[in-house]
Full PDB file with SEQRES, HELIX, SHEET, SSBOND, CRYST1, ORIGX, SCALE, CONECT and MASTER records, all heavy atoms in Angstrom:
SEQRES   1 A   34  ALA ASN ARG LEU ASN THR SER LEU VAL PRO TRP LEU ALA          
SEQRES   2 A   34  LYS PHE GLY ILE ASN ILE SER LEU ASP VAL ASP SER VAL          
SEQRES   3 A   34  LYS SER PHE VAL VAL LYS TYR LEU                              
HELIX    1 AA1 ASN A    2  ARG A    3  1                                   2    
HELIX    2 AA2 LEU A    4  LEU A    8  3                                   5    
HELIX    3 AA3 VAL A    9  ALA A   13  1                                   5    
HELIX    4 AA4 VAL A   23  TYR A   33  1                                  11    
CRYST1    1.000    1.000    1.000  90.00  90.00  90.00 P 1           1          
ORIGX1      1.000000  0.000000  0.000000        0.00000                         
ORIGX2      0.000000  1.000000  0.000000        0.00000                         
ORIGX3      0.000000  0.000000  1.000000        0.00000                         
SCALE1      1.000000  0.000000  0.000000        0.00000                         
SCALE2      0.000000  1.000000  0.000000        0.00000                         
SCALE3      0.000000  0.000000  1.000000        0.00000                         
ATOM      1  N   ALA A   1      66.982 119.836 111.052  1.00  0.00           N  
ATOM      2  CA  ALA A   1      68.130 118.925 111.005  1.00  0.00           C  
ATOM      3  C   ALA A   1      67.682 117.477 111.176  1.00  0.00           C  
ATOM      4  O   ALA A   1      68.181 116.570 110.495  1.00  0.00           O  
ATOM      5  CB  ALA A   1      69.139 119.305 112.092  1.00  0.00           C  
ATOM      6  N   ASN A   2      66.715 117.245 112.072  1.00  0.00           N  
ATOM      7  CA  ASN A   2      66.193 115.883 112.262  1.00  0.00           C  
ATOM      8  C   ASN A   2      65.528 115.358 110.996  1.00  0.00           C  
ATOM      9  O   ASN A   2      65.732 114.214 110.589  1.00  0.00           O  
ATOM     10  CB  ASN A   2      65.188 115.869 113.422  1.00  0.00           C  
ATOM     11  CG  ASN A   2      65.883 115.677 114.767  1.00  0.00           C  
ATOM     12  OD1 ASN A   2      66.847 114.927 114.860  1.00  0.00           O  
ATOM     13  ND2 ASN A   2      65.388 116.363 115.786  1.00  0.00           N  
ATOM     14  N   ARG A   3      64.705 116.223 110.358  1.00  0.00           N  
ATOM     15  CA  ARG A   3      64.004 115.779 109.150  1.00  0.00           C  
ATOM     16  C   ARG A   3      64.977 115.509 108.011  1.00  0.00           C  
ATOM     17  O   ARG A   3      64.812 114.553 107.252  1.00  0.00           O  
ATOM     18  CB  ARG A   3      62.975 116.843 108.734  1.00  0.00           C  
ATOM     19  CG  ARG A   3      61.721 116.816 109.593  1.00  0.00           C  
ATOM     20  CD  ARG A   3      60.594 117.597 108.941  1.00  0.00           C  
ATOM     21  NE  ARG A   3      60.859 119.033 108.973  1.00  0.00           N  
ATOM     22  CZ  ARG A   3      60.499 119.827 109.982  1.00  0.00           C  
ATOM     23  NH1 ARG A   3      59.899 119.336 111.041  1.00  0.00           N  
ATOM     24  NH2 ARG A   3      60.749 121.115 109.937  1.00  0.00           N  
ATOM     25  N   LEU A   4      65.996 116.353 107.875  1.00  0.00           N  
ATOM     26  CA  LEU A   4      67.003 116.107 106.847  1.00  0.00           C  
ATOM     27  C   LEU A   4      67.753 114.813 107.108  1.00  0.00           C  
ATOM     28  O   LEU A   4      68.067 114.054 106.183  1.00  0.00           O  
ATOM     29  CB  LEU A   4      67.993 117.290 106.789  1.00  0.00           C  
ATOM     30  CG  LEU A   4      67.491 118.587 106.168  1.00  0.00           C  
ATOM     31  CD1 LEU A   4      68.523 119.691 106.336  1.00  0.00           C  
ATOM     32  CD2 LEU A   4      67.176 118.393 104.689  1.00  0.00           C  
ATOM     33  N   ASN A   5      68.012 114.541 108.372  1.00  0.00           N  
ATOM     34  CA  ASN A   5      68.757 113.335 108.732  1.00  0.00           C  
ATOM     35  C   ASN A   5      67.962 112.076 108.444  1.00  0.00           C  
ATOM     36  O   ASN A   5      68.520 111.031 108.106  1.00  0.00           O  
ATOM     37  CB  ASN A   5      69.136 113.390 110.212  1.00  0.00           C  
ATOM     38  CG  ASN A   5      70.496 112.774 110.476  1.00  0.00           C  
ATOM     39  OD1 ASN A   5      71.312 112.642 109.572  1.00  0.00           O  
ATOM     40  ND2 ASN A   5      70.735 112.393 111.719  1.00  0.00           N  
ATOM     41  N   THR A   6      66.631 112.155 108.591  1.00  0.00           N  
ATOM     42  CA  THR A   6      65.798 110.965 108.401  1.00  0.00           C  
ATOM     43  C   THR A   6      65.280 110.803 106.982  1.00  0.00           C  
ATOM     44  O   THR A   6      64.913 109.689 106.585  1.00  0.00           O  
ATOM     45  CB  THR A   6      64.593 111.018 109.355  1.00  0.00           C  
ATOM     46  OG1 THR A   6      63.869 112.240 109.141  1.00  0.00           O  
ATOM     47  CG2 THR A   6      65.041 110.953 110.799  1.00  0.00           C  
ATOM     48  N   SER A   7      65.252 111.872 106.180  1.00  0.00           N  
ATOM     49  CA  SER A   7      64.699 111.767 104.831  1.00  0.00           C  
ATOM     50  C   SER A   7      65.747 111.960 103.735  1.00  0.00           C  
ATOM     51  O   SER A   7      65.856 111.134 102.805  1.00  0.00           O  
ATOM     52  CB  SER A   7      63.572 112.786 104.638  1.00  0.00           C  
ATOM     53  OG  SER A   7      64.064 114.102 104.836  1.00  0.00           O  
ATOM     54  N   LEU A   8      66.540 113.034 103.857  1.00  0.00           N  
ATOM     55  CA  LEU A   8      67.489 113.343 102.790  1.00  0.00           C  
ATOM     56  C   LEU A   8      68.691 112.413 102.802  1.00  0.00           C  
ATOM     57  O   LEU A   8      69.168 111.983 101.748  1.00  0.00           O  
ATOM     58  CB  LEU A   8      67.947 114.801 102.917  1.00  0.00           C  
ATOM     59  CG  LEU A   8      68.895 115.321 101.830  1.00  0.00           C  
ATOM     60  CD1 LEU A   8      68.220 115.272 100.466  1.00  0.00           C  
ATOM     61  CD2 LEU A   8      69.354 116.741 102.141  1.00  0.00           C  
ATOM     62  N   VAL A   9      69.195 112.087 103.996  1.00  0.00           N  
ATOM     63  CA  VAL A   9      70.408 111.269 104.093  1.00  0.00           C  
ATOM     64  C   VAL A   9      70.211 109.880 103.475  1.00  0.00           C  
ATOM     65  O   VAL A   9      71.056 109.433 102.690  1.00  0.00           O  
ATOM     66  CB  VAL A   9      70.880 111.181 105.565  1.00  0.00           C  
ATOM     67  CG1 VAL A   9      72.012 110.168 105.701  1.00  0.00           C  
ATOM     68  CG2 VAL A   9      71.331 112.551 106.054  1.00  0.00           C  
ATOM     69  N   PRO A  10      69.097 109.153 103.782  1.00  0.00           N  
ATOM     70  CA  PRO A  10      68.900 107.848 103.117  1.00  0.00           C  
ATOM     71  C   PRO A  10      68.762 107.962 101.602  1.00  0.00           C  
ATOM     72  O   PRO A  10      69.220 107.093 100.856  1.00  0.00           O  
ATOM     73  CB  PRO A  10      67.608 107.326 103.757  1.00  0.00           C  
ATOM     74  CG  PRO A  10      67.512 108.037 105.059  1.00  0.00           C  
ATOM     75  CD  PRO A  10      68.087 109.391 104.810  1.00  0.00           C  
ATOM     76  N   TRP A  11      68.143 109.045 101.125  1.00  0.00           N  
ATOM     77  CA  TRP A  11      67.971 109.210  99.681  1.00  0.00           C  
ATOM     78  C   TRP A  11      69.319 109.427  99.000  1.00  0.00           C  
ATOM     79  O   TRP A  11      69.590 108.876  97.935  1.00  0.00           O  
ATOM     80  CB  TRP A  11      67.037 110.388  99.423  1.00  0.00           C  
ATOM     81  CG  TRP A  11      66.779 110.635  97.961  1.00  0.00           C  
ATOM     82  CD1 TRP A  11      65.991 109.909  97.133  1.00  0.00           C  
ATOM     83  CD2 TRP A  11      67.344 111.696  97.166  1.00  0.00           C  
ATOM     84  NE1 TRP A  11      66.005 110.432  95.859  1.00  0.00           N  
ATOM     85  CE2 TRP A  11      66.823 111.529  95.847  1.00  0.00           C  
ATOM     86  CE3 TRP A  11      68.209 112.742  97.437  1.00  0.00           C  
ATOM     87  CZ2 TRP A  11      67.172 112.397  94.814  1.00  0.00           C  
ATOM     88  CZ3 TRP A  11      68.537 113.600  96.402  1.00  0.00           C  
ATOM     89  CH2 TRP A  11      68.035 113.422  95.113  1.00  0.00           C  
ATOM     90  N   LEU A  12      70.181 110.245  99.627  1.00  0.00           N  
ATOM     91  CA  LEU A  12      71.508 110.481  99.065  1.00  0.00           C  
ATOM     92  C   LEU A  12      72.364 109.219  99.110  1.00  0.00           C  
ATOM     93  O   LEU A  12      73.222 109.012  98.245  1.00  0.00           O  
ATOM     94  CB  LEU A  12      72.212 111.619  99.825  1.00  0.00           C  
ATOM     95  CG  LEU A  12      71.651 113.027  99.629  1.00  0.00           C  
ATOM     96  CD1 LEU A  12      72.368 114.018 100.552  1.00  0.00           C  
ATOM     97  CD2 LEU A  12      71.793 113.473  98.176  1.00  0.00           C  
ATOM     98  N   ALA A  13      72.131 108.379 100.138  1.00  0.00           N  
ATOM     99  CA  ALA A  13      72.919 107.146 100.257  1.00  0.00           C  
ATOM    100  C   ALA A  13      72.693 106.214  99.069  1.00  0.00           C  
ATOM    101  O   ALA A  13      73.581 105.429  98.699  1.00  0.00           O  
ATOM    102  CB  ALA A  13      72.576 106.439 101.559  1.00  0.00           C  
ATOM    103  N   LYS A  14      71.507 106.292  98.437  1.00  0.00           N  
ATOM    104  CA  LYS A  14      71.241 105.464  97.254  1.00  0.00           C  
ATOM    105  C   LYS A  14      72.175 105.801  96.100  1.00  0.00           C  
ATOM    106  O   LYS A  14      72.433 104.964  95.237  1.00  0.00           O  
ATOM    107  CB  LYS A  14      69.788 105.652  96.802  1.00  0.00           C  
ATOM    108  CG  LYS A  14      68.760 105.199  97.819  1.00  0.00           C  
ATOM    109  CD  LYS A  14      67.350 105.460  97.311  1.00  0.00           C  
ATOM    110  CE  LYS A  14      66.311 105.050  98.338  1.00  0.00           C  
ATOM    111  NZ  LYS A  14      64.925 105.331  97.861  1.00  0.00           N  
ATOM    112  N   PHE A  15      72.668 107.020  96.082  1.00  0.00           N  
ATOM    113  CA  PHE A  15      73.578 107.463  95.017  1.00  0.00           C  
ATOM    114  C   PHE A  15      75.041 107.414  95.463  1.00  0.00           C  
ATOM    115  O   PHE A  15      75.913 107.967  94.790  1.00  0.00           O  
ATOM    116  CB  PHE A  15      73.220 108.886  94.583  1.00  0.00           C  
ATOM    117  CG  PHE A  15      71.816 109.035  94.066  1.00  0.00           C  
ATOM    118  CD1 PHE A  15      70.783 109.430  94.922  1.00  0.00           C  
ATOM    119  CD2 PHE A  15      71.505 108.745  92.746  1.00  0.00           C  
ATOM    120  CE1 PHE A  15      69.486 109.561  94.454  1.00  0.00           C  
ATOM    121  CE2 PHE A  15      70.201 108.878  92.277  1.00  0.00           C  
ATOM    122  CZ  PHE A  15      69.196 109.275  93.127  1.00  0.00           C  
ATOM    123  N   GLY A  16      75.300 106.769  96.572  1.00  0.00           N  
ATOM    124  CA  GLY A  16      76.667 106.637  97.046  1.00  0.00           C  
ATOM    125  C   GLY A  16      77.191 107.845  97.790  1.00  0.00           C  
ATOM    126  O   GLY A  16      78.397 107.950  98.046  1.00  0.00           O  
ATOM    127  N   ILE A  17      76.293 108.781  98.158  1.00  0.00           N  
ATOM    128  CA  ILE A  17      76.697 109.974  98.904  1.00  0.00           C  
ATOM    129  C   ILE A  17      76.335 109.751 100.365  1.00  0.00           C  
ATOM    130  O   ILE A  17      75.161 109.790 100.748  1.00  0.00           O  
ATOM    131  CB  ILE A  17      76.009 111.235  98.360  1.00  0.00           C  
ATOM    132  CG1 ILE A  17      76.301 111.397  96.861  1.00  0.00           C  
ATOM    133  CG2 ILE A  17      76.462 112.475  99.124  1.00  0.00           C  
ATOM    134  CD1 ILE A  17      75.540 112.529  96.224  1.00  0.00           C  
ATOM    135  N   ASN A  18      77.326 109.493 101.177  1.00  0.00           N  
ATOM    136  CA  ASN A  18      77.102 109.181 102.581  1.00  0.00           C  
ATOM    137  C   ASN A  18      77.464 110.379 103.455  1.00  0.00           C  
ATOM    138  O   ASN A  18      78.636 110.737 103.584  1.00  0.00           O  
ATOM    139  CB  ASN A  18      77.937 107.967 102.995  1.00  0.00           C  
ATOM    140  CG  ASN A  18      77.532 106.715 102.228  1.00  0.00           C  
ATOM    141  OD1 ASN A  18      76.351 106.389 102.126  1.00  0.00           O  
ATOM    142  ND2 ASN A  18      78.514 106.011 101.671  1.00  0.00           N  
ATOM    143  N   ILE A  19      76.449 111.017 104.000  1.00  0.00           N  
ATOM    144  CA  ILE A  19      76.654 112.122 104.935  1.00  0.00           C  
ATOM    145  C   ILE A  19      75.767 111.889 106.149  1.00  0.00           C  
ATOM    146  O   ILE A  19      74.807 111.108 106.100  1.00  0.00           O  
ATOM    147  CB  ILE A  19      76.322 113.490 104.307  1.00  0.00           C  
ATOM    148  CG1 ILE A  19      74.837 113.545 103.886  1.00  0.00           C  
ATOM    149  CG2 ILE A  19      77.220 113.801 103.132  1.00  0.00           C  
ATOM    150  CD1 ILE A  19      74.391 114.915 103.469  1.00  0.00           C  
ATOM    151  N   SER A  20      76.102 112.542 107.225  1.00  0.00           N  
ATOM    152  CA  SER A  20      75.304 112.426 108.439  1.00  0.00           C  
ATOM    153  C   SER A  20      75.345 113.739 109.196  1.00  0.00           C  
ATOM    154  O   SER A  20      76.423 114.311 109.409  1.00  0.00           O  
ATOM    155  CB  SER A  20      75.838 111.299 109.320  1.00  0.00           C  
ATOM    156  OG  SER A  20      75.072 111.201 110.512  1.00  0.00           O  
ATOM    157  N   LEU A  21      74.170 114.216 109.555  1.00  0.00           N  
ATOM    158  CA  LEU A  21      74.087 115.463 110.311  1.00  0.00           C  
ATOM    159  C   LEU A  21      74.136 115.167 111.804  1.00  0.00           C  
ATOM    160  O   LEU A  21      73.415 114.294 112.296  1.00  0.00           O  
ATOM    161  CB  LEU A  21      72.783 116.204 109.975  1.00  0.00           C  
ATOM    162  CG  LEU A  21      72.671 116.809 108.577  1.00  0.00           C  
ATOM    163  CD1 LEU A  21      71.279 117.386 108.375  1.00  0.00           C  
ATOM    164  CD2 LEU A  21      73.716 117.874 108.371  1.00  0.00           C  
ATOM    165  N   ASP A  22      74.984 115.855 112.499  1.00  0.00           N  
ATOM    166  CA  ASP A  22      75.080 115.724 113.953  1.00  0.00           C  
ATOM    167  C   ASP A  22      74.050 116.645 114.589  1.00  0.00           C  
ATOM    168  O   ASP A  22      74.288 117.838 114.770  1.00  0.00           O  
ATOM    169  CB  ASP A  22      76.491 116.077 114.416  1.00  0.00           C  
ATOM    170  CG  ASP A  22      76.703 115.740 115.883  1.00  0.00           C  
ATOM    171  OD1 ASP A  22      75.701 115.460 116.576  1.00  0.00           O  
ATOM    172  OD2 ASP A  22      77.872 115.758 116.320  1.00  0.00           O  
ATOM    173  N   VAL A  23      72.875 116.083 114.912  1.00  0.00           N  
ATOM    174  CA  VAL A  23      71.775 116.886 115.432  1.00  0.00           C  
ATOM    175  C   VAL A  23      72.140 117.521 116.763  1.00  0.00           C  
ATOM    176  O   VAL A  23      71.767 118.664 117.051  1.00  0.00           O  
ATOM    177  CB  VAL A  23      70.501 116.029 115.567  1.00  0.00           C  
ATOM    178  CG1 VAL A  23      69.342 116.866 116.118  1.00  0.00           C  
ATOM    179  CG2 VAL A  23      70.119 115.437 114.211  1.00  0.00           C  
ATOM    180  N   ASP A  24      72.895 116.811 117.587  1.00  0.00           N  
ATOM    181  CA  ASP A  24      73.298 117.371 118.878  1.00  0.00           C  
ATOM    182  C   ASP A  24      74.163 118.618 118.700  1.00  0.00           C  
ATOM    183  O   ASP A  24      74.037 119.589 119.446  1.00  0.00           O  
ATOM    184  CB  ASP A  24      74.050 116.320 119.695  1.00  0.00           C  
ATOM    185  CG  ASP A  24      73.140 115.170 120.121  1.00  0.00           C  
ATOM    186  OD1 ASP A  24      71.925 115.411 120.279  1.00  0.00           O  
ATOM    187  OD2 ASP A  24      73.644 114.037 120.281  1.00  0.00           O  
ATOM    188  N   SER A  25      75.049 118.583 117.675  1.00  0.00           N  
ATOM    189  CA  SER A  25      75.886 119.758 117.413  1.00  0.00           C  
ATOM    190  C   SER A  25      75.040 120.931 116.949  1.00  0.00           C  
ATOM    191  O   SER A  25      75.311 122.087 117.299  1.00  0.00           O  
ATOM    192  CB  SER A  25      76.942 119.421 116.352  1.00  0.00           C  
ATOM    193  OG  SER A  25      77.823 118.429 116.818  1.00  0.00           O  
ATOM    194  N   VAL A  26      74.021 120.637 116.127  1.00  0.00           N  
ATOM    195  CA  VAL A  26      73.121 121.699 115.671  1.00  0.00           C  
ATOM    196  C   VAL A  26      72.405 122.337 116.860  1.00  0.00           C  
ATOM    197  O   VAL A  26      72.288 123.558 116.959  1.00  0.00           O  
ATOM    198  CB  VAL A  26      72.101 121.142 114.652  1.00  0.00           C  
ATOM    199  CG1 VAL A  26      71.058 122.201 114.310  1.00  0.00           C  
ATOM    200  CG2 VAL A  26      72.806 120.678 113.388  1.00  0.00           C  
ATOM    201  N   LYS A  27      71.930 121.499 117.776  1.00  0.00           N  
ATOM    202  CA  LYS A  27      71.238 122.028 118.946  1.00  0.00           C  
ATOM    203  C   LYS A  27      72.166 122.873 119.811  1.00  0.00           C  
ATOM    204  O   LYS A  27      71.767 123.935 120.312  1.00  0.00           O  
ATOM    205  CB  LYS A  27      70.647 120.875 119.760  1.00  0.00           C  
ATOM    206  CG  LYS A  27      69.473 120.184 119.084  1.00  0.00           C  
ATOM    207  CD  LYS A  27      68.934 119.055 119.943  1.00  0.00           C  
ATOM    208  CE  LYS A  27      67.744 118.366 119.257  1.00  0.00           C  
ATOM    209  NZ  LYS A  27      67.217 117.238 120.047  1.00  0.00           N  
ATOM    210  N   SER A  28      73.397 122.416 119.979  1.00  0.00           N  
ATOM    211  CA  SER A  28      74.347 123.191 120.778  1.00  0.00           C  
ATOM    212  C   SER A  28      74.672 124.520 120.101  1.00  0.00           C  
ATOM    213  O   SER A  28      74.857 125.549 120.762  1.00  0.00           O  
ATOM    214  CB  SER A  28      75.624 122.389 121.007  1.00  0.00           C  
ATOM    215  OG  SER A  28      76.290 122.135 119.786  1.00  0.00           O  
ATOM    216  N   PHE A  29      74.733 124.513 118.747  1.00  0.00           N  
ATOM    217  CA  PHE A  29      74.962 125.756 118.010  1.00  0.00           C  
ATOM    218  C   PHE A  29      73.821 126.743 118.250  1.00  0.00           C  
ATOM    219  O   PHE A  29      74.037 127.933 118.476  1.00  0.00           O  
ATOM    220  CB  PHE A  29      75.095 125.451 116.514  1.00  0.00           C  
ATOM    221  CG  PHE A  29      75.037 126.669 115.635  1.00  0.00           C  
ATOM    222  CD1 PHE A  29      76.153 127.462 115.438  1.00  0.00           C  
ATOM    223  CD2 PHE A  29      73.847 127.031 115.002  1.00  0.00           C  
ATOM    224  CE1 PHE A  29      76.100 128.585 114.636  1.00  0.00           C  
ATOM    225  CE2 PHE A  29      73.786 128.157 114.201  1.00  0.00           C  
ATOM    226  CZ  PHE A  29      74.917 128.927 114.011  1.00  0.00           C  
ATOM    227  N   VAL A  30      72.591 126.222 118.208  1.00  0.00           N  
ATOM    228  CA  VAL A  30      71.425 127.082 118.426  1.00  0.00           C  
ATOM    229  C   VAL A  30      71.460 127.685 119.820  1.00  0.00           C  
ATOM    230  O   VAL A  30      71.220 128.883 120.022  1.00  0.00           O  
ATOM    231  CB  VAL A  30      70.125 126.282 118.205  1.00  0.00           C  
ATOM    232  CG1 VAL A  30      68.916 127.094 118.642  1.00  0.00           C  
ATOM    233  CG2 VAL A  30      69.990 125.888 116.742  1.00  0.00           C  
ATOM    234  N   VAL A  31      71.765 126.847 120.812  1.00  0.00           N  
ATOM    235  CA  VAL A  31      71.794 127.320 122.188  1.00  0.00           C  
ATOM    236  C   VAL A  31      72.892 128.362 122.384  1.00  0.00           C  
ATOM    237  O   VAL A  31      72.703 129.386 123.054  1.00  0.00           O  
ATOM    238  CB  VAL A  31      71.995 126.135 123.163  1.00  0.00           C  
ATOM    239  CG1 VAL A  31      72.235 126.652 124.576  1.00  0.00           C  
ATOM    240  CG2 VAL A  31      70.786 125.225 123.128  1.00  0.00           C  
ATOM    241  N   LYS A  32      74.050 128.113 121.761  1.00  0.00           N  
ATOM    242  CA  LYS A  32      75.200 128.980 121.990  1.00  0.00           C  
ATOM    243  C   LYS A  32      75.075 130.315 121.284  1.00  0.00           C  
ATOM    244  O   LYS A  32      75.396 131.363 121.850  1.00  0.00           O  
ATOM    245  CB  LYS A  32      76.476 128.279 121.533  1.00  0.00           C  
ATOM    246  CG  LYS A  32      77.751 129.074 121.802  1.00  0.00           C  
ATOM    247  CD  LYS A  32      78.982 128.279 121.402  1.00  0.00           C  
ATOM    248  CE  LYS A  32      80.257 129.072 121.677  1.00  0.00           C  
ATOM    249  NZ  LYS A  32      81.475 128.332 121.284  1.00  0.00           N  
ATOM    250  N   TYR A  33      74.619 130.310 120.005  1.00  0.00           N  
ATOM    251  CA  TYR A  33      74.660 131.532 119.197  1.00  0.00           C  
ATOM    252  C   TYR A  33      73.296 132.197 119.022  1.00  0.00           C  
ATOM    253  O   TYR A  33      73.196 133.417 119.111  1.00  0.00           O  
ATOM    254  CB  TYR A  33      75.260 131.225 117.815  1.00  0.00           C  
ATOM    255  CG  TYR A  33      76.719 130.860 117.887  1.00  0.00           C  
ATOM    256  CD1 TYR A  33      77.133 129.539 117.818  1.00  0.00           C  
ATOM    257  CD2 TYR A  33      77.692 131.838 118.034  1.00  0.00           C  
ATOM    258  CE1 TYR A  33      78.483 129.196 117.890  1.00  0.00           C  
ATOM    259  CE2 TYR A  33      79.040 131.526 118.116  1.00  0.00           C  
ATOM    260  CZ  TYR A  33      79.423 130.189 118.039  1.00  0.00           C  
ATOM    261  OH  TYR A  33      80.751 129.859 118.118  1.00  0.00           O  
ATOM    262  N   LEU A  34      72.269 131.418 118.744  1.00  0.00           N  
ATOM    263  CA  LEU A  34      70.976 132.035 118.448  1.00  0.00           C  
ATOM    264  C   LEU A  34      70.166 132.323 119.697  1.00  0.00           C  
ATOM    265  O   LEU A  34      69.181 133.062 119.639  1.00  0.00           O  
ATOM    266  CB  LEU A  34      70.164 131.141 117.498  1.00  0.00           C  
ATOM    267  CG  LEU A  34      70.811 130.903 116.132  1.00  0.00           C  
ATOM    268  CD1 LEU A  34      69.898 130.047 115.268  1.00  0.00           C  
ATOM    269  CD2 LEU A  34      71.129 132.207 115.435  1.00  0.00           C  
TER     270      LEU A  34                                                      
MASTER        0    0    0    4    0    0    0    6  269    1    0    3          
END                                                                             
């Protein structure tokens, strides 16, 4: 999730696609379910 947030998100922003991954939510999901 961190790597996607730092590499994929800026690349998509060049095409007008603005998304952001909530890394803290991903970590909480891992702790809670996995």
